[in-house]
Amino acid sequence: MSPRFDEPCLTRPAQQVLAEHAVEVPDTRPLPDLSDPDALPVTHPVDEPMIEVSHERIILLHNYRKAGWVHTLEGCWLRRSVADLLTGVADSLPDRWGLAVFDAWRPLELQVELYEAALTDPTVPTGLFAEPDPEPSRPPPHLSGGAVDLTLTHDGVALAPGTGFDDMTPLAGASALEDVPGPDREMRRLLFWSMRNAGFVVFNGEWWHFEYGTRRWGAITGRQPIFGPAVPPA
């Protein structure tokens, strides 16, 4: 039997944590309309190395490894430029706030493992896990090294704004709480705009999933995708 997508739960409900410490989320503006156009093919990939994510304001949660998925690897890896942008996001956050990464680069074998498990799980909506296409011009986002799943932290506690990671309900949509005032909505807005200001785009089906240089990023921004499949770390 495959591990569960939503376990282990390594976050705490955001409203609960913020209420315990009388913390208010910084004011943020509403999310824009979020589209998810057809991804572009990668025609001129940039050969950029991957580096391991390491920063004092970024916690690495390693969800899939702790859950027991077979094809996970040690470490948390992203393309160098993407990792640099991510550390810039962490440094831009207000004092006591930071980031916690659920998942970043995935080998193709892990993408296959997750995709096949999703196909056989009736609770998983179609389209949430990218098809593990081996064609170099059509890499799934996480295989490219340009996608990262993450949340905000406060005083080192990873927060769940309305849902946890890999929640399969409609509430997991990035804009699902836009009409629901409260700290969960404000946290999603803070995460979105912090990442957007650095050049990332969000997958509207998952509030935690952001991309830079990928096929979806190219379609949303009107630019050519940067990254093909990433070479596994040595």
Protein backbone atom coordinates (compact mmCIF):
# COMPACT_ATOMS: atom_id res chain seq x y z
CA MET A 1 0.00 0.00 0.00
CA SER A 2 1.28 3.45 -0.92
CA PRO A 3 1.81 6.09 1.79
CA ARG A 4 -0.92 8.69 2.25
CA PHE A 5 -0.49 11.99 0.44
CA ASP A 6 -1.49 14.09 3.47
CA GLU A 7 0.76 12.36 6.01
CA PRO A 8 2.82 13.05 7.95
CA CYS A 9 1.20 16.33 8.99
CA LEU A 10 4.13 18.62 9.77
CA THR A 11 2.17 21.86 10.07
CA ARG A 12 -0.12 23.37 12.68
CA PRO A 13 -3.37 25.23 11.90
CA ALA A 14 -2.42 28.83 11.24
CA GLN A 15 -5.36 30.37 13.07
CA GLN A 16 -4.57 28.37 16.20
CA VAL A 17 -0.88 29.26 16.30
CA LEU A 18 -1.39 32.94 15.57
CA ALA A 19 -4.17 33.21 18.16
CA GLU A 20 -1.99 31.55 20.83
CA HIS A 21 0.70 34.18 20.32
CA ALA A 22 -1.59 37.14 19.54
CA VAL A 23 0.03 37.54 16.12
CA GLU A 24 -1.55 39.50 13.31
CA VAL A 25 -0.72 38.71 9.69
CA PRO A 26 0.74 41.73 7.87
CA ASP A 27 -1.75 43.52 5.62
CA THR A 28 -1.81 42.14 2.10
CA ARG A 29 -3.76 42.86 -1.06
CA PRO A 30 -6.21 40.46 -2.71
CA LEU A 31 -5.05 37.80 -5.11
CA PRO A 32 -5.38 38.55 -8.83
CA ASP A 33 -7.34 36.31 -11.17
CA LEU A 34 -5.33 33.10 -11.37
CA SER A 35 -5.30 31.30 -14.69
CA ASP A 36 -3.68 27.98 -15.53
CA PRO A 37 -3.07 28.03 -19.30
CA ASP A 38 -1.65 25.10 -21.23
CA ALA A 39 2.03 24.75 -20.46
CA LEU A 40 4.55 25.64 -23.17
CA PRO A 41 7.16 23.20 -24.48
CA VAL A 42 10.79 23.72 -23.51
CA THR A 43 12.63 24.59 -26.73
CA HIS A 44 15.90 26.12 -25.49
CA PRO A 45 16.66 24.71 -22.03
CA VAL A 46 19.28 26.41 -19.89
CA ASP A 47 21.90 24.09 -18.43
CA GLU A 48 21.92 25.38 -14.86
CA PRO A 49 23.14 23.27 -11.94
CA MET A 50 21.00 22.40 -8.96
CA ILE A 51 22.02 23.29 -5.42
CA GLU A 52 20.79 22.15 -2.04
CA VAL A 53 18.45 24.59 -0.31
CA SER A 54 19.98 25.92 2.90
CA HIS A 55 19.06 29.13 4.69
CA GLU A 56 18.52 30.14 8.29
CA ARG A 57 14.95 31.26 7.60
CA ILE A 58 13.94 28.19 5.57
CA ILE A 59 12.93 24.94 7.29
CA LEU A 60 13.11 21.72 5.26
CA LEU A 61 10.27 19.32 6.10
CA HIS A 62 11.00 16.43 3.67
CA ASN A 63 7.35 15.33 3.63
CA TYR A 64 7.58 12.60 1.01
CA ARG A 65 10.72 11.07 2.50
CA LYS A 66 9.18 10.95 5.97
CA ALA A 67 5.98 9.51 4.51
CA GLY A 68 7.90 6.57 3.07
CA TRP A 69 7.66 7.11 -0.68
CA VAL A 70 10.24 4.80 -2.23
CA HIS A 71 12.00 7.04 -4.75
CA THR A 72 12.75 10.09 -2.62
CA LEU A 73 16.36 11.26 -2.29
CA GLU A 74 18.32 12.94 0.46
CA GLY A 75 18.30 16.72 0.55
CA CYS A 76 16.16 19.48 -0.90
CA TRP A 77 17.30 20.62 -4.35
CA LEU A 78 16.41 23.45 -6.75
CA ARG A 79 18.05 25.15 -9.72
CA ARG A 80 20.64 27.62 -8.46
CA SER A 81 18.73 30.72 -9.60
CA VAL A 82 15.46 29.38 -8.12
CA ALA A 83 17.12 28.64 -4.79
CA ASP A 84 18.59 32.15 -4.77
CA LEU A 85 15.15 33.65 -5.41
CA LEU A 86 13.70 31.56 -2.60
CA THR A 87 16.27 32.76 -0.08
CA GLY A 88 15.45 36.29 -1.18
CA VAL A 89 11.78 35.63 -0.39
CA ALA A 90 12.71 34.36 3.08
CA ASP A 91 14.80 37.47 3.75
CA SER A 92 11.98 39.74 2.57
CA LEU A 93 9.48 38.45 5.14
CA PRO A 94 8.77 40.38 8.35
CA ASP A 95 10.67 39.50 11.51
CA ARG A 96 9.76 36.12 13.04
CA TRP A 97 8.32 34.90 9.72
CA GLY A 98 10.01 32.38 7.44
CA LEU A 99 9.41 29.52 5.01
CA ALA A 100 9.04 25.76 5.33
CA VAL A 101 9.57 23.59 2.23
CA PHE A 102 7.47 20.45 1.81
CA ASP A 103 9.02 19.32 -1.47
CA ALA A 104 11.20 20.64 -4.29
CA TRP A 105 13.00 18.75 -7.10
CA ARG A 106 11.70 15.23 -7.74
CA PRO A 107 13.36 12.53 -9.79
CA LEU A 108 11.20 11.12 -12.57
CA GLU A 109 10.84 7.86 -10.64
CA LEU A 110 9.20 9.68 -7.73
CA GLN A 111 6.90 11.58 -10.08
CA VAL A 112 5.83 8.24 -11.58
CA GLU A 113 5.28 6.79 -8.10
CA LEU A 114 3.12 9.71 -6.99
CA TYR A 115 1.20 9.93 -10.27
CA GLU A 116 0.34 6.22 -10.31
CA ALA A 117 -0.75 6.32 -6.66
CA ALA A 118 -2.98 9.32 -7.43
CA LEU A 119 -4.60 7.51 -10.35
CA THR A 120 -5.69 4.67 -8.08
CA ASP A 121 -6.87 6.92 -5.22
CA PRO A 122 -10.52 7.97 -5.72
CA THR A 123 -10.05 10.93 -3.36
CA VAL A 124 -7.47 12.59 -5.64
CA PRO A 125 -8.96 14.88 -8.31
CA THR A 126 -7.52 14.58 -11.79
CA GLY A 127 -4.91 17.13 -12.74
CA LEU A 128 -3.29 17.66 -9.35
CA PHE A 129 -0.26 15.50 -10.10
CA ALA A 130 1.52 16.25 -13.36
CA GLU A 131 1.96 13.40 -15.82
CA PRO A 132 5.52 12.02 -15.58
CA ASP A 133 6.35 12.63 -19.23
CA PRO A 134 9.94 11.54 -20.07
CA GLU A 135 10.03 13.75 -23.18
CA PRO A 136 12.70 16.46 -22.47
CA SER A 137 10.50 19.23 -23.89
CA ARG A 138 7.63 18.36 -21.53
CA PRO A 139 9.07 17.82 -18.04
CA PRO A 140 6.64 17.92 -15.11
CA PRO A 141 7.29 21.00 -12.94
CA HIS A 142 9.12 19.32 -10.08
CA LEU A 143 11.41 17.37 -12.42
CA SER A 144 12.65 20.66 -13.87
CA GLY A 145 14.07 21.88 -10.56
CA GLY A 146 11.95 25.01 -10.85
CA ALA A 147 8.99 24.03 -8.64
CA VAL A 148 8.73 24.18 -4.87
CA ASP A 149 5.96 23.31 -2.40
CA LEU A 150 6.10 25.44 0.72
CA THR A 151 4.32 27.36 3.45
CA LEU A 152 5.01 30.17 5.89
CA THR A 153 6.43 29.75 9.36
CA HIS A 154 6.12 31.90 12.46
CA ASP A 155 8.78 31.52 15.14
CA GLY A 156 9.86 28.34 13.38
CA VAL A 157 6.40 26.71 13.37
CA ALA A 158 5.20 25.60 9.91
CA LEU A 159 1.66 26.87 9.37
CA ALA A 160 -1.34 25.41 7.55
CA PRO A 161 -3.55 28.26 6.22
CA GLY A 162 -6.91 26.54 5.91
CA THR A 163 -5.54 23.18 4.78
CA GLY A 164 -2.38 21.17 5.11
CA PHE A 165 -0.01 20.05 2.35
CA ASP A 166 -1.46 17.72 -0.31
CA ASP A 167 -5.00 18.36 0.84
CA MET A 168 -7.22 17.10 -1.98
CA THR A 169 -10.31 19.23 -1.33
CA PRO A 170 -11.36 22.41 -3.16
CA LEU A 171 -10.21 24.42 -0.12
CA ALA A 172 -6.62 23.74 -1.19
CA GLY A 173 -7.01 26.05 -4.19
CA ALA A 174 -4.82 29.13 -3.94
CA SER A 175 -7.80 31.47 -4.25
CA ALA A 176 -10.33 29.27 -2.43
CA LEU A 177 -10.42 31.51 0.66
CA GLU A 178 -10.59 34.88 -1.09
CA ASP A 179 -14.17 35.37 0.11
CA VAL A 180 -13.45 34.11 3.63
CA PRO A 181 -11.95 36.91 5.77
CA GLY A 182 -9.51 35.83 8.46
CA PRO A 183 -5.87 34.94 9.12
CA ASP A 184 -5.89 31.92 6.79
CA ARG A 185 -6.80 34.12 3.83
CA GLU A 186 -4.26 36.76 4.83
CA MET A 187 -1.54 34.12 5.17
CA ARG A 188 -2.22 32.78 1.70
CA ARG A 189 -2.08 36.31 0.35
CA LEU A 190 1.20 37.00 2.16
CA LEU A 191 2.74 33.81 0.77
CA PHE A 192 1.46 34.50 -2.73
CA TRP A 193 2.67 38.08 -2.97
CA SER A 194 6.02 37.30 -1.35
CA MET A 195 6.63 34.63 -3.98
CA ARG A 196 5.07 36.61 -6.84
CA ASN A 197 7.28 39.62 -6.11
CA ALA A 198 10.29 37.35 -6.61
CA GLY A 199 8.99 36.14 -9.98
CA PHE A 200 7.26 32.89 -9.03
CA VAL A 201 3.81 31.83 -10.25
CA VAL A 202 1.35 29.71 -8.28
CA PHE A 203 -0.59 26.65 -9.39
CA ASN A 204 -4.16 27.67 -8.59
CA GLY A 205 -5.09 24.13 -7.57
CA GLU A 206 -2.62 24.17 -4.65
CA TRP A 207 -1.86 27.20 -2.49
CA TRP A 208 1.58 25.74 -1.61
CA HIS A 209 2.88 25.07 -5.16
CA PHE A 210 5.06 27.73 -6.85
CA GLU A 211 7.14 27.65 -10.01
CA TYR A 212 9.87 29.62 -11.73
CA GLY A 213 11.34 28.91 -15.17
CA THR A 214 8.96 26.02 -15.83
CA ARG A 215 6.54 25.34 -18.67
CA ARG A 216 3.58 26.66 -16.62
CA TRP A 217 5.61 29.72 -15.59
CA GLY A 218 6.29 30.42 -19.27
CA ALA A 219 2.61 30.15 -20.19
CA ILE A 220 1.51 32.45 -17.36
CA THR A 221 4.24 35.08 -17.78
CA GLY A 222 4.40 35.02 -21.58
CA ARG A 223 8.08 34.06 -21.53
CA GLN A 224 9.93 31.03 -22.83
CA PRO A 225 10.41 28.22 -20.30
CA ILE A 226 13.95 28.08 -18.96
CA PHE A 227 14.40 24.59 -17.56
CA GLY A 228 14.14 21.13 -19.04
CA PRO A 229 14.57 18.01 -16.88
CA ALA A 230 17.12 18.57 -14.12
CA VAL A 231 20.14 16.34 -13.76
CA PRO A 232 20.05 14.41 -10.46
CA PRO A 233 22.40 15.75 -7.80
CA ALA A 234 25.71 13.95 -7.54
